[in-house]
Amino acid sequence: MTLSQFEKKRCEKLAAEFVEKRRPPAHLRAKVDLAFRVAGQSVEIYEVRPHWREQAKMLEHPIAKATYNKSKKSWKLYWYRADLKWHGYQPHLEAASIEEFFDVVQEDSHGCFFG
């Protein structure tokens, strides 16, 4: 089940605020930037950078994802491992709110999201 229009807009607003705080300086954004998407019941944060060979082609590298479970009224937190799969973020598997998700990613106490 997808998020309601209201919930989606709220998530987009909060994600935009989070990403804006973490983005690199303006002069570096052509080489590396941070972005987000809200799709279905998930909010995903990812890095954007040009392909090493084809500079016009942009690559996305996933960083963090939260998926809403409507029946539990909680968010499941994931991080993207080197095996190119999403894994539950073991120190903090669930968040009660989307704000808590952004707080966990910002803290990054285990260096899983931003290294």
PDB file of N, CA and C in Angstrom:
ATOM      1  N   MET A   1       0.841  -1.173   0.000  1.00  0.00           N
ATOM      2  CA  MET A   1       0.000   0.000   0.000  1.00  0.00           C
ATOM      3  C   MET A   1       0.892   1.243   0.000  1.00  0.00           C
ATOM      4  N   THR A   2       0.520   2.220  -0.784  1.00  0.00           N
ATOM      5  CA  THR A   2       1.328   3.433  -0.892  1.00  0.00           C
ATOM      6  C   THR A   2       0.933   4.457   0.174  1.00  0.00           C
ATOM      7  N   LEU A   3       1.786   5.439   0.335  1.00  0.00           N
ATOM      8  CA  LEU A   3       1.504   6.536   1.255  1.00  0.00           C
ATOM      9  C   LEU A   3       0.392   7.411   0.684  1.00  0.00           C
ATOM     10  N   SER A   4      -0.389   8.037   1.560  1.00  0.00           N
ATOM     11  CA  SER A   4      -1.414   8.973   1.090  1.00  0.00           C
ATOM     12  C   SER A   4      -0.719  10.204   0.508  1.00  0.00           C
ATOM     13  N   GLN A   5      -1.445  10.997  -0.249  1.00  0.00           N
ATOM     14  CA  GLN A   5      -0.874  12.222  -0.837  1.00  0.00           C
ATOM     15  C   GLN A   5      -0.319  13.127   0.255  1.00  0.00           C
ATOM     16  N   PHE A   6      -1.038  13.266   1.355  1.00  0.00           N
ATOM     17  CA  PHE A   6      -0.588  14.106   2.462  1.00  0.00           C
ATOM     18  C   PHE A   6       0.724  13.568   3.053  1.00  0.00           C
ATOM     19  N   GLU A   7       0.753  12.259   3.329  1.00  0.00           N
ATOM     20  CA  GLU A   7       1.964  11.646   3.881  1.00  0.00           C
ATOM     21  C   GLU A   7       3.135  11.764   2.916  1.00  0.00           C
ATOM     22  N   LYS A   8       2.865  11.583   1.623  1.00  0.00           N
ATOM     23  CA  LYS A   8       3.922  11.674   0.614  1.00  0.00           C
ATOM     24  C   LYS A   8       4.509  13.088   0.575  1.00  0.00           C
ATOM     25  N   LYS A   9       3.652  14.098   0.568  1.00  0.00           N
ATOM     26  CA  LYS A   9       4.122  15.492   0.543  1.00  0.00           C
ATOM     27  C   LYS A   9       4.927  15.818   1.799  1.00  0.00           C
ATOM     28  N   ARG A  10       4.482  15.316   2.935  1.00  0.00           N
ATOM     29  CA  ARG A  10       5.195  15.545   4.191  1.00  0.00           C
ATOM     30  C   ARG A  10       6.585  14.898   4.144  1.00  0.00           C
ATOM     31  N   CYS A  11       6.645  13.666   3.648  1.00  0.00           N
ATOM     32  CA  CYS A  11       7.932  12.966   3.516  1.00  0.00           C
ATOM     33  C   CYS A  11       8.850  13.699   2.543  1.00  0.00           C
ATOM     34  N   GLU A  12       8.305  14.174   1.435  1.00  0.00           N
ATOM     35  CA  GLU A  12       9.107  14.919   0.460  1.00  0.00           C
ATOM     36  C   GLU A  12       9.679  16.187   1.075  1.00  0.00           C
ATOM     37  N   LYS A  13       8.872  16.891   1.854  1.00  0.00           N
ATOM     38  CA  LYS A  13       9.333  18.128   2.502  1.00  0.00           C
ATOM     39  C   LYS A  13      10.468  17.833   3.486  1.00  0.00           C
ATOM     40  N   LEU A  14      10.277  16.824   4.329  1.00  0.00           N
ATOM     41  CA  LEU A  14      11.301  16.474   5.321  1.00  0.00           C
ATOM     42  C   LEU A  14      12.564  15.935   4.658  1.00  0.00           C
ATOM     43  N   ALA A  15      12.406  15.133   3.615  1.00  0.00           N
ATOM     44  CA  ALA A  15      13.569  14.594   2.898  1.00  0.00           C
ATOM     45  C   ALA A  15      14.339  15.726   2.218  1.00  0.00           C
ATOM     46  N   ALA A  16      13.627  16.670   1.625  1.00  0.00           N
ATOM     47  CA  ALA A  16      14.286  17.807   0.974  1.00  0.00           C
ATOM     48  C   ALA A  16      15.088  18.617   1.993  1.00  0.00           C
ATOM     49  N   GLU A  17      14.534  18.823   3.173  1.00  0.00           N
ATOM     50  CA  GLU A  17      15.251  19.548   4.228  1.00  0.00           C
ATOM     51  C   GLU A  17      16.490  18.780   4.660  1.00  0.00           C
ATOM     52  N   PHE A  18      16.366  17.468   4.839  1.00  0.00           N
ATOM     53  CA  PHE A  18      17.500  16.638   5.253  1.00  0.00           C
ATOM     54  C   PHE A  18      18.611  16.681   4.207  1.00  0.00           C
ATOM     55  N   VAL A  19      18.236  16.469   2.948  1.00  0.00           N
ATOM     56  CA  VAL A  19      19.219  16.429   1.861  1.00  0.00           C
ATOM     57  C   VAL A  19      19.905  17.780   1.711  1.00  0.00           C
ATOM     58  N   GLU A  20      19.158  18.849   1.827  1.00  0.00           N
ATOM     59  CA  GLU A  20      19.745  20.192   1.673  1.00  0.00           C
ATOM     60  C   GLU A  20      20.832  20.441   2.725  1.00  0.00           C
ATOM     61  N   LYS A  21      20.641  19.943   3.924  1.00  0.00           N
ATOM     62  CA  LYS A  21      21.645  20.107   4.993  1.00  0.00           C
ATOM     63  C   LYS A  21      22.906  19.283   4.724  1.00  0.00           C
ATOM     64  N   ARG A  22      22.765  18.143   4.045  1.00  0.00           N
ATOM     65  CA  ARG A  22      23.898  17.227   3.841  1.00  0.00           C
ATOM     66  C   ARG A  22      24.579  17.369   2.488  1.00  0.00           C
ATOM     67  N   ARG A  23      23.980  18.140   1.577  1.00  0.00           N
ATOM     68  CA  ARG A  23      24.554  18.267   0.231  1.00  0.00           C
ATOM     69  C   ARG A  23      25.948  18.887   0.279  1.00  0.00           C
ATOM     70  N   PRO A  24      26.801  18.521  -0.664  1.00  0.00           N
ATOM     71  CA  PRO A  24      28.126  19.144  -0.743  1.00  0.00           C
ATOM     72  C   PRO A  24      27.992  20.606  -1.185  1.00  0.00           C
ATOM     73  N   PRO A  25      29.064  21.377  -1.056  1.00  0.00           N
ATOM     74  CA  PRO A  25      29.026  22.772  -1.514  1.00  0.00           C
ATOM     75  C   PRO A  25      28.643  22.867  -2.996  1.00  0.00           C
ATOM     76  N   ALA A  26      28.055  23.977  -3.377  1.00  0.00           N
ATOM     77  CA  ALA A  26      27.523  24.163  -4.737  1.00  0.00           C
ATOM     78  C   ALA A  26      28.556  23.885  -5.826  1.00  0.00           C
ATOM     79  N   HIS A  27      29.805  24.255  -5.601  1.00  0.00           N
ATOM     80  CA  HIS A  27      30.817  24.071  -6.651  1.00  0.00           C
ATOM     81  C   HIS A  27      31.194  22.594  -6.870  1.00  0.00           C
ATOM     82  N   LEU A  28      30.792  21.708  -5.979  1.00  0.00           N
ATOM     83  CA  LEU A  28      31.092  20.274  -6.127  1.00  0.00           C
ATOM     84  C   LEU A  28      29.910  19.453  -6.627  1.00  0.00           C
ATOM     85  N   ARG A  29      28.744  20.037  -6.685  1.00  0.00           N
ATOM     86  CA  ARG A  29      27.526  19.271  -6.979  1.00  0.00           C
ATOM     87  C   ARG A  29      27.482  18.670  -8.376  1.00  0.00           C
ATOM     88  N   ALA A  30      28.256  19.167  -9.305  1.00  0.00           N
ATOM     89  CA  ALA A  30      28.312  18.545 -10.635  1.00  0.00           C
ATOM     90  C   ALA A  30      29.085  17.228 -10.576  1.00  0.00           C
ATOM     91  N   LYS A  31      29.936  17.085  -9.564  1.00  0.00           N
ATOM     92  CA  LYS A  31      30.745  15.872  -9.422  1.00  0.00           C
ATOM     93  C   LYS A  31      30.139  14.870  -8.449  1.00  0.00           C
ATOM     94  N   VAL A  32      29.464  15.360  -7.424  1.00  0.00           N
ATOM     95  CA  VAL A  32      28.795  14.489  -6.448  1.00  0.00           C
ATOM     96  C   VAL A  32      27.692  15.290  -5.773  1.00  0.00           C
ATOM     97  N   ASP A  33      26.546  14.661  -5.651  1.00  0.00           N
ATOM     98  CA  ASP A  33      25.420  15.335  -5.020  1.00  0.00           C
ATOM     99  C   ASP A  33      24.586  14.307  -4.266  1.00  0.00           C
ATOM    100  N   LEU A  34      23.657  14.792  -3.498  1.00  0.00           N
ATOM    101  CA  LEU A  34      22.771  13.954  -2.710  1.00  0.00           C
ATOM    102  C   LEU A  34      21.348  14.239  -3.161  1.00  0.00           C
ATOM    103  N   ALA A  35      20.519  13.201  -3.247  1.00  0.00           N
ATOM    104  CA  ALA A  35      19.136  13.372  -3.686  1.00  0.00           C
ATOM    105  C   ALA A  35      18.251  12.376  -2.940  1.00  0.00           C
ATOM    106  N   PHE A  36      16.958  12.464  -3.198  1.00  0.00           N
ATOM    107  CA  PHE A  36      16.004  11.558  -2.563  1.00  0.00           C
ATOM    108  C   PHE A  36      14.864  11.261  -3.522  1.00  0.00           C
ATOM    109  N   ARG A  37      14.123  10.214  -3.189  1.00  0.00           N
ATOM    110  CA  ARG A  37      12.882   9.917  -3.906  1.00  0.00           C
ATOM    111  C   ARG A  37      11.900   9.320  -2.910  1.00  0.00           C
ATOM    112  N   VAL A  38      10.636   9.581  -3.162  1.00  0.00           N
ATOM    113  CA  VAL A  38       9.562   8.974  -2.390  1.00  0.00           C
ATOM    114  C   VAL A  38       8.740   8.172  -3.395  1.00  0.00           C
ATOM    115  N   ALA A  39       8.722   6.864  -3.232  1.00  0.00           N
ATOM    116  CA  ALA A  39       8.004   5.997  -4.167  1.00  0.00           C
ATOM    117  C   ALA A  39       7.296   4.903  -3.384  1.00  0.00           C
ATOM    118  N   GLY A  40       6.027   4.695  -3.705  1.00  0.00           N
ATOM    119  CA  GLY A  40       5.262   3.686  -2.977  1.00  0.00           C
ATOM    120  C   GLY A  40       5.170   4.064  -1.521  1.00  0.00           C
ATOM    121  N   GLN A  41       5.691   3.207  -0.664  1.00  0.00           N
ATOM    122  CA  GLN A  41       5.689   3.498   0.766  1.00  0.00           C
ATOM    123  C   GLN A  41       7.102   3.701   1.299  1.00  0.00           C
ATOM    124  N   SER A  42       8.040   4.018   0.403  1.00  0.00           N
ATOM    125  CA  SER A  42       9.443   4.160   0.790  1.00  0.00           C
ATOM    126  C   SER A  42      10.000   5.542   0.495  1.00  0.00           C
ATOM    127  N   VAL A  43      10.937   5.930   1.351  1.00  0.00           N
ATOM    128  CA  VAL A  43      11.726   7.145   1.162  1.00  0.00           C
ATOM    129  C   VAL A  43      13.164   6.684   1.022  1.00  0.00           C
ATOM    130  N   GLU A  44      13.827   7.089  -0.054  1.00  0.00           N
ATOM    131  CA  GLU A  44      15.194   6.647  -0.315  1.00  0.00           C
ATOM    132  C   GLU A  44      16.109   7.849  -0.488  1.00  0.00           C
ATOM    133  N   ILE A  45      17.276   7.775   0.111  1.00  0.00           N
ATOM    134  CA  ILE A  45      18.312   8.792  -0.045  1.00  0.00           C
ATOM    135  C   ILE A  45      19.429   8.150  -0.852  1.00  0.00           C
ATOM    136  N   TYR A  46      19.935   8.884  -1.845  1.00  0.00           N
ATOM    137  CA  TYR A  46      20.976   8.319  -2.690  1.00  0.00           C
ATOM    138  C   TYR A  46      21.951   9.408  -3.151  1.00  0.00           C
ATOM    139  N   GLU A  47      23.126   8.945  -3.536  1.00  0.00           N
ATOM    140  CA  GLU A  47      24.180   9.815  -4.045  1.00  0.00           C
ATOM    141  C   GLU A  47      24.109   9.808  -5.572  1.00  0.00           C
ATOM    142  N   VAL A  48      24.388  10.959  -6.173  1.00  0.00           N
ATOM    143  CA  VAL A  48      24.376  11.091  -7.631  1.00  0.00           C
ATOM    144  C   VAL A  48      25.749  11.594  -8.062  1.00  0.00           C
ATOM    145  N   ARG A  49      26.326  10.918  -9.051  1.00  0.00           N
ATOM    146  CA  ARG A  49      27.616  11.357  -9.593  1.00  0.00           C
ATOM    147  C   ARG A  49      27.724  10.916 -11.044  1.00  0.00           C
ATOM    148  N   PRO A  50      28.548  11.599 -11.836  1.00  0.00           N
ATOM    149  CA  PRO A  50      28.709  11.201 -13.238  1.00  0.00           C
ATOM    150  C   PRO A  50      29.420   9.858 -13.362  1.00  0.00           C
ATOM    151  N   HIS A  51      29.093   9.141 -14.413  1.00  0.00           N
ATOM    152  CA  HIS A  51      29.757   7.882 -14.728  1.00  0.00           C
ATOM    153  C   HIS A  51      31.232   8.195 -14.977  1.00  0.00           C
ATOM    154  N   TRP A  52      32.120   7.330 -14.568  1.00  0.00           N
ATOM    155  CA  TRP A  52      33.552   7.608 -14.682  1.00  0.00           C
ATOM    156  C   TRP A  52      34.021   7.682 -16.125  1.00  0.00           C
ATOM    157  N   ARG A  53      33.312   7.021 -17.035  1.00  0.00           N
ATOM    158  CA  ARG A  53      33.701   7.051 -18.444  1.00  0.00           C
ATOM    159  C   ARG A  53      32.841   8.005 -19.266  1.00  0.00           C
ATOM    160  N   GLU A  54      31.548   7.958 -19.036  1.00  0.00           N
ATOM    161  CA  GLU A  54      30.593   8.793 -19.771  1.00  0.00           C
ATOM    162  C   GLU A  54      30.082   9.883 -18.836  1.00  0.00           C
ATOM    163  N   GLN A  55      30.731  11.006 -18.845  1.00  0.00           N
ATOM    164  CA  GLN A  55      30.412  12.082 -17.909  1.00  0.00           C
ATOM    165  C   GLN A  55      28.961  12.576 -18.023  1.00  0.00           C
ATOM    166  N   ALA A  56      28.338  12.412 -19.176  1.00  0.00           N
ATOM    167  CA  ALA A  56      26.957  12.863 -19.354  1.00  0.00           C
ATOM    168  C   ALA A  56      25.963  11.914 -18.675  1.00  0.00           C
ATOM    169  N   LYS A  57      26.386  10.698 -18.412  1.00  0.00           N
ATOM    170  CA  LYS A  57      25.525   9.700 -17.779  1.00  0.00           C
ATOM    171  C   LYS A  57      25.692   9.790 -16.261  1.00  0.00           C
ATOM    172  N   MET A  58      24.576   9.937 -15.544  1.00  0.00           N
ATOM    173  CA  MET A  58      24.628  10.043 -14.091  1.00  0.00           C
ATOM    174  C   MET A  58      24.336   8.694 -13.446  1.00  0.00           C
ATOM    175  N   LEU A  59      25.088   8.375 -12.408  1.00  0.00           N
ATOM    176  CA  LEU A  59      24.901   7.140 -11.651  1.00  0.00           C
ATOM    177  C   LEU A  59      24.301   7.461 -10.288  1.00  0.00           C
ATOM    178  N   GLU A  60      23.452   6.590  -9.817  1.00  0.00           N
ATOM    179  CA  GLU A  60      22.873   6.729  -8.490  1.00  0.00           C
ATOM    180  C   GLU A  60      23.409   5.610  -7.606  1.00  0.00           C
ATOM    181  N   HIS A  61      23.824   5.989  -6.402  1.00  0.00           N
ATOM    182  CA  HIS A  61      24.278   5.006  -5.426  1.00  0.00           C
ATOM    183  C   HIS A  61      23.388   5.124  -4.192  1.00  0.00           C
ATOM    184  N   PRO A  62      22.559   4.107  -3.923  1.00  0.00           N
ATOM    185  CA  PRO A  62      21.664   4.162  -2.764  1.00  0.00           C
ATOM    186  C   PRO A  62      22.440   4.267  -1.449  1.00  0.00           C
ATOM    187  N   ILE A  63      21.857   4.983  -0.492  1.00  0.00           N
ATOM    188  CA  ILE A  63      22.490   5.174   0.814  1.00  0.00           C
ATOM    189  C   ILE A  63      21.609   4.641   1.939  1.00  0.00           C
ATOM    190  N   ALA A  64      20.372   5.143   2.001  1.00  0.00           N
ATOM    191  CA  ALA A  64      19.469   4.767   3.087  1.00  0.00           C
ATOM    192  C   ALA A  64      18.042   4.711   2.572  1.00  0.00           C
ATOM    193  N   LYS A  65      17.240   3.851   3.223  1.00  0.00           N
ATOM    194  CA  LYS A  65      15.836   3.738   2.824  1.00  0.00           C
ATOM    195  C   LYS A  65      14.990   3.454   4.056  1.00  0.00           C
ATOM    196  N   ALA A  66      13.806   4.051   4.081  1.00  0.00           N
ATOM    197  CA  ALA A  66      12.813   3.748   5.110  1.00  0.00           C
ATOM    198  C   ALA A  66      11.532   3.352   4.401  1.00  0.00           C
ATOM    199  N   THR A  67      10.945   2.256   4.834  1.00  0.00           N
ATOM    200  CA  THR A  67       9.700   1.775   4.253  1.00  0.00           C
ATOM    201  C   THR A  67       8.636   1.741   5.338  1.00  0.00           C
ATOM    202  N   TYR A  68       7.501   2.372   5.035  1.00  0.00           N
ATOM    203  CA  TYR A  68       6.429   2.487   6.018  1.00  0.00           C
ATOM    204  C   TYR A  68       5.588   1.219   6.065  1.00  0.00           C
ATOM    205  N   ASN A  69       5.335   0.735   7.276  1.00  0.00           N
ATOM    206  CA  ASN A  69       4.451  -0.403   7.509  1.00  0.00           C
ATOM    207  C   ASN A  69       3.187   0.153   8.162  1.00  0.00           C
ATOM    208  N   LYS A  70       2.142   0.272   7.376  1.00  0.00           N
ATOM    209  CA  LYS A  70       0.915   0.922   7.849  1.00  0.00           C
ATOM    210  C   LYS A  70       0.266   0.162   9.010  1.00  0.00           C
ATOM    211  N   SER A  71       0.306  -1.164   8.990  1.00  0.00           N
ATOM    212  CA  SER A  71      -0.332  -1.931  10.067  1.00  0.00           C
ATOM    213  C   SER A  71       0.391  -1.750  11.401  1.00  0.00           C
ATOM    214  N   LYS A  72       1.712  -1.623  11.358  1.00  0.00           N
ATOM    215  CA  LYS A  72       2.500  -1.414  12.577  1.00  0.00           C
ATOM    216  C   LYS A  72       2.673   0.066  12.919  1.00  0.00           C
ATOM    217  N   LYS A  73       2.370   0.925  11.945  1.00  0.00           N
ATOM    218  CA  LYS A  73       2.557   2.372  12.089  1.00  0.00           C
ATOM    219  C   LYS A  73       4.004   2.694  12.465  1.00  0.00           C
ATOM    220  N   SER A  74       4.926   2.071  11.721  1.00  0.00           N
ATOM    221  CA  SER A  74       6.351   2.318  11.951  1.00  0.00           C
ATOM    222  C   SER A  74       7.096   2.238  10.625  1.00  0.00           C
ATOM    223  N   TRP A  75       8.331   2.702  10.642  1.00  0.00           N
ATOM    224  CA  TRP A  75       9.194   2.713   9.466  1.00  0.00           C
ATOM    225  C   TRP A  75      10.296   1.689   9.663  1.00  0.00           C
ATOM    226  N   LYS A  76      10.517   0.846   8.682  1.00  0.00           N
ATOM    227  CA  LYS A  76      11.630  -0.116   8.695  1.00  0.00           C
ATOM    228  C   LYS A  76      12.828   0.571   8.042  1.00  0.00           C
ATOM    229  N   LEU A  77      13.996   0.536   8.681  1.00  0.00           N
ATOM    230  CA  LEU A  77      15.192   1.223   8.202  1.00  0.00           C
ATOM    231  C   LEU A  77      16.149   0.254   7.530  1.00  0.00           C
ATOM    232  N   TYR A  78      16.708   0.700   6.398  1.00  0.00           N
ATOM    233  CA  TYR A  78      17.635  -0.116   5.619  1.00  0.00           C
ATOM    234  C   TYR A  78      18.884   0.684   5.247  1.00  0.00           C
ATOM    235  N   TRP A  79      19.967  -0.042   5.027  1.00  0.00           N
ATOM    236  CA  TRP A  79      21.167   0.553   4.454  1.00  0.00           C
ATOM    237  C   TRP A  79      21.627  -0.327   3.307  1.00  0.00           C
ATOM    238  N   TYR A  80      22.352   0.262   2.372  1.00  0.00           N
ATOM    239  CA  TYR A  80      22.760  -0.431   1.150  1.00  0.00           C
ATOM    240  C   TYR A  80      24.192  -0.915   1.313  1.00  0.00           C
ATOM    241  N   ARG A  81      24.374  -2.222   1.344  1.00  0.00           N
ATOM    242  CA  ARG A  81      25.690  -2.806   1.585  1.00  0.00           C
ATOM    243  C   ARG A  81      26.472  -2.973   0.294  1.00  0.00           C
ATOM    244  N   ALA A  82      27.726  -3.322   0.424  1.00  0.00           N
ATOM    245  CA  ALA A  82      28.617  -3.529  -0.722  1.00  0.00           C
ATOM    246  C   ALA A  82      28.162  -4.706  -1.589  1.00  0.00           C
ATOM    247  N   ASP A  83      27.317  -5.589  -1.058  1.00  0.00           N
ATOM    248  CA  ASP A  83      26.804  -6.699  -1.862  1.00  0.00           C
ATOM    249  C   ASP A  83      25.650  -6.260  -2.771  1.00  0.00           C
ATOM    250  N   LEU A  84      25.401  -4.937  -2.804  1.00  0.00           N
ATOM    251  CA  LEU A  84      24.376  -4.322  -3.658  1.00  0.00           C
ATOM    252  C   LEU A  84      22.959  -4.760  -3.299  1.00  0.00           C
ATOM    253  N   LYS A  85      22.722  -4.978  -2.003  1.00  0.00           N
ATOM    254  CA  LYS A  85      21.400  -5.334  -1.502  1.00  0.00           C
ATOM    255  C   LYS A  85      21.064  -4.480  -0.286  1.00  0.00           C
ATOM    256  N   TRP A  86      19.770  -4.251  -0.099  1.00  0.00           N
ATOM    257  CA  TRP A  86      19.306  -3.543   1.091  1.00  0.00           C
ATOM    258  C   TRP A  86      19.308  -4.502   2.269  1.00  0.00           C
ATOM    259  N   HIS A  87      19.793  -4.010   3.422  1.00  0.00           N
ATOM    260  CA  HIS A  87      19.801  -4.797   4.652  1.00  0.00           C
ATOM    261  C   HIS A  87      19.192  -3.946   5.763  1.00  0.00           C
ATOM    262  N   GLY A  88      18.478  -4.624   6.658  1.00  0.00           N
ATOM    263  CA  GLY A  88      17.947  -3.919   7.819  1.00  0.00           C
ATOM    264  C   GLY A  88      19.087  -3.298   8.603  1.00  0.00           C
ATOM    265  N   TYR A  89      18.880  -2.073   9.044  1.00  0.00           N
ATOM    266  CA  TYR A  89      19.918  -1.370   9.810  1.00  0.00           C
ATOM    267  C   TYR A  89      19.874  -1.891  11.243  1.00  0.00           C
ATOM    268  N   GLN A  90      20.729  -2.875  11.545  1.00  0.00           N
ATOM    269  CA  GLN A  90      20.692  -3.616  12.801  1.00  0.00           C
ATOM    270  C   GLN A  90      20.664  -2.769  14.078  1.00  0.00           C
ATOM    271  N   PRO A  91      21.423  -1.713  14.186  1.00  0.00           N
ATOM    272  CA  PRO A  91      21.357  -0.971  15.453  1.00  0.00           C
ATOM    273  C   PRO A  91      19.991  -0.318  15.697  1.00  0.00           C
ATOM    274  N   HIS A  92      19.225  -0.129  14.617  1.00  0.00           N
ATOM    275  CA  HIS A  92      17.952   0.601  14.747  1.00  0.00           C
ATOM    276  C   HIS A  92      17.040   0.117  13.607  1.00  0.00           C
ATOM    277  N   LEU A  93      16.395  -1.026  13.778  1.00  0.00           N
ATOM    278  CA  LEU A  93      15.616  -1.636  12.701  1.00  0.00           C
ATOM    279  C   LEU A  93      14.320  -0.898  12.373  1.00  0.00           C
ATOM    280  N   GLU A  94      13.725  -0.248  13.357  1.00  0.00           N
ATOM    281  CA  GLU A  94      12.470   0.453  13.129  1.00  0.00           C
ATOM    282  C   GLU A  94      12.504   1.843  13.737  1.00  0.00           C
ATOM    283  N   ALA A  95      11.706   2.709  13.134  1.00  0.00           N
ATOM    284  CA  ALA A  95      11.552   4.074  13.637  1.00  0.00           C
ATOM    285  C   ALA A  95      10.061   4.366  13.756  1.00  0.00           C
ATOM    286  N   ALA A  96       9.698   5.087  14.772  1.00  0.00           N
ATOM    287  CA  ALA A  96       8.286   5.416  14.994  1.00  0.00           C
ATOM    288  C   ALA A  96       7.801   6.505  14.045  1.00  0.00           C
ATOM    289  N   SER A  97       8.731   7.295  13.525  1.00  0.00           N
ATOM    290  CA  SER A  97       8.353   8.397  12.631  1.00  0.00           C
ATOM    291  C   SER A  97       9.417   8.588  11.560  1.00  0.00           C
ATOM    292  N   ILE A  98       9.057   9.300  10.517  1.00  0.00           N
ATOM    293  CA  ILE A  98      10.025   9.595   9.455  1.00  0.00           C
ATOM    294  C   ILE A  98      11.120  10.521   9.984  1.00  0.00           C
ATOM    295  N   GLU A  99      10.775  11.383  10.929  1.00  0.00           N
ATOM    296  CA  GLU A  99      11.783  12.257  11.544  1.00  0.00           C
ATOM    297  C   GLU A  99      12.848  11.433  12.263  1.00  0.00           C
ATOM    298  N   GLU A 100      12.420  10.369  12.929  1.00  0.00           N
ATOM    299  CA  GLU A 100      13.372   9.488  13.619  1.00  0.00           C
ATOM    300  C   GLU A 100      14.309   8.823  12.612  1.00  0.00           C
ATOM    301  N   PHE A 101      13.776   8.427  11.465  1.00  0.00           N
ATOM    302  CA  PHE A 101      14.614   7.864  10.399  1.00  0.00           C
ATOM    303  C   PHE A 101      15.711   8.843  10.009  1.00  0.00           C
ATOM    304  N   PHE A 102      15.347  10.093   9.752  1.00  0.00           N
ATOM    305  CA  PHE A 102      16.340  11.088   9.357  1.00  0.00           C
ATOM    306  C   PHE A 102      17.346  11.351  10.475  1.00  0.00           C
ATOM    307  N   ASP A 103      16.902  11.305  11.725  1.00  0.00           N
ATOM    308  CA  ASP A 103      17.828  11.469  12.856  1.00  0.00           C
ATOM    309  C   ASP A 103      18.845  10.331  12.901  1.00  0.00           C
ATOM    310  N   VAL A 104      18.377   9.097  12.683  1.00  0.00           N
ATOM    311  CA  VAL A 104      19.270   7.926  12.698  1.00  0.00           C
ATOM    312  C   VAL A 104      20.289   8.028  11.567  1.00  0.00           C
ATOM    313  N   VAL A 105      19.836   8.410  10.374  1.00  0.00           N
ATOM    314  CA  VAL A 105      20.747   8.535   9.234  1.00  0.00           C
ATOM    315  C   VAL A 105      21.741   9.662   9.480  1.00  0.00           C
ATOM    316  N   GLN A 106      21.279  10.763  10.025  1.00  0.00           N
ATOM    317  CA  GLN A 106      22.166  11.894  10.316  1.00  0.00           C
ATOM    318  C   GLN A 106      23.242  11.491  11.322  1.00  0.00           C
ATOM    319  N   GLU A 107      22.839  10.775  12.368  1.00  0.00           N
ATOM    320  CA  GLU A 107      23.799  10.344  13.398  1.00  0.00           C
ATOM    321  C   GLU A 107      24.792   9.350  12.815  1.00  0.00           C
ATOM    322  N   ASP A 108      24.316   8.397  12.032  1.00  0.00           N
ATOM    323  CA  ASP A 108      25.157   7.390  11.378  1.00  0.00           C
ATOM    324  C   ASP A 108      26.204   6.814  12.326  1.00  0.00           C
ATOM    325  N   SER A 109      25.744   6.375  13.496  1.00  0.00           N
ATOM    326  CA  SER A 109      26.655   5.941  14.554  1.00  0.00           C
ATOM    327  C   SER A 109      27.558   4.766  14.176  1.00  0.00           C
ATOM    328  N   HIS A 110      27.170   3.958  13.185  1.00  0.00           N
ATOM    329  CA  HIS A 110      27.994   2.824  12.771  1.00  0.00           C
ATOM    330  C   HIS A 110      28.670   3.044  11.424  1.00  0.00           C
ATOM    331  N   GLY A 111      28.551   4.239  10.869  1.00  0.00           N
ATOM    332  CA  GLY A 111      29.207   4.552   9.599  1.00  0.00           C
ATOM    333  C   GLY A 111      28.667   3.769   8.412  1.00  0.00           C
ATOM    334  N   CYS A 112      27.436   3.319   8.487  1.00  0.00           N
ATOM    335  CA  CYS A 112      26.851   2.524   7.400  1.00  0.00           C
ATOM    336  C   CYS A 112      26.326   3.382   6.260  1.00  0.00           C
ATOM    337  N   PHE A 113      25.874   4.569   6.543  1.00  0.00           N
ATOM    338  CA  PHE A 113      25.242   5.395   5.526  1.00  0.00           C
ATOM    339  C   PHE A 113      26.249   6.269   4.775  1.00  0.00           C
ATOM    340  N   PHE A 114      27.039   6.994   5.515  1.00  0.00           N
ATOM    341  CA  PHE A 114      27.975   7.935   4.886  1.00  0.00           C
ATOM    342  C   PHE A 114      29.442   7.599   5.142  1.00  0.00           C
ATOM    343  N   GLY A 115      29.683   6.472   5.782  1.00  0.00           N
ATOM    344  CA  GLY A 115      31.050   6.003   5.968  1.00  0.00           C
ATOM    345  C   GLY A 115      31.827   6.592   7.071  1.00  0.00           C
TER     346      GLY A 115
END
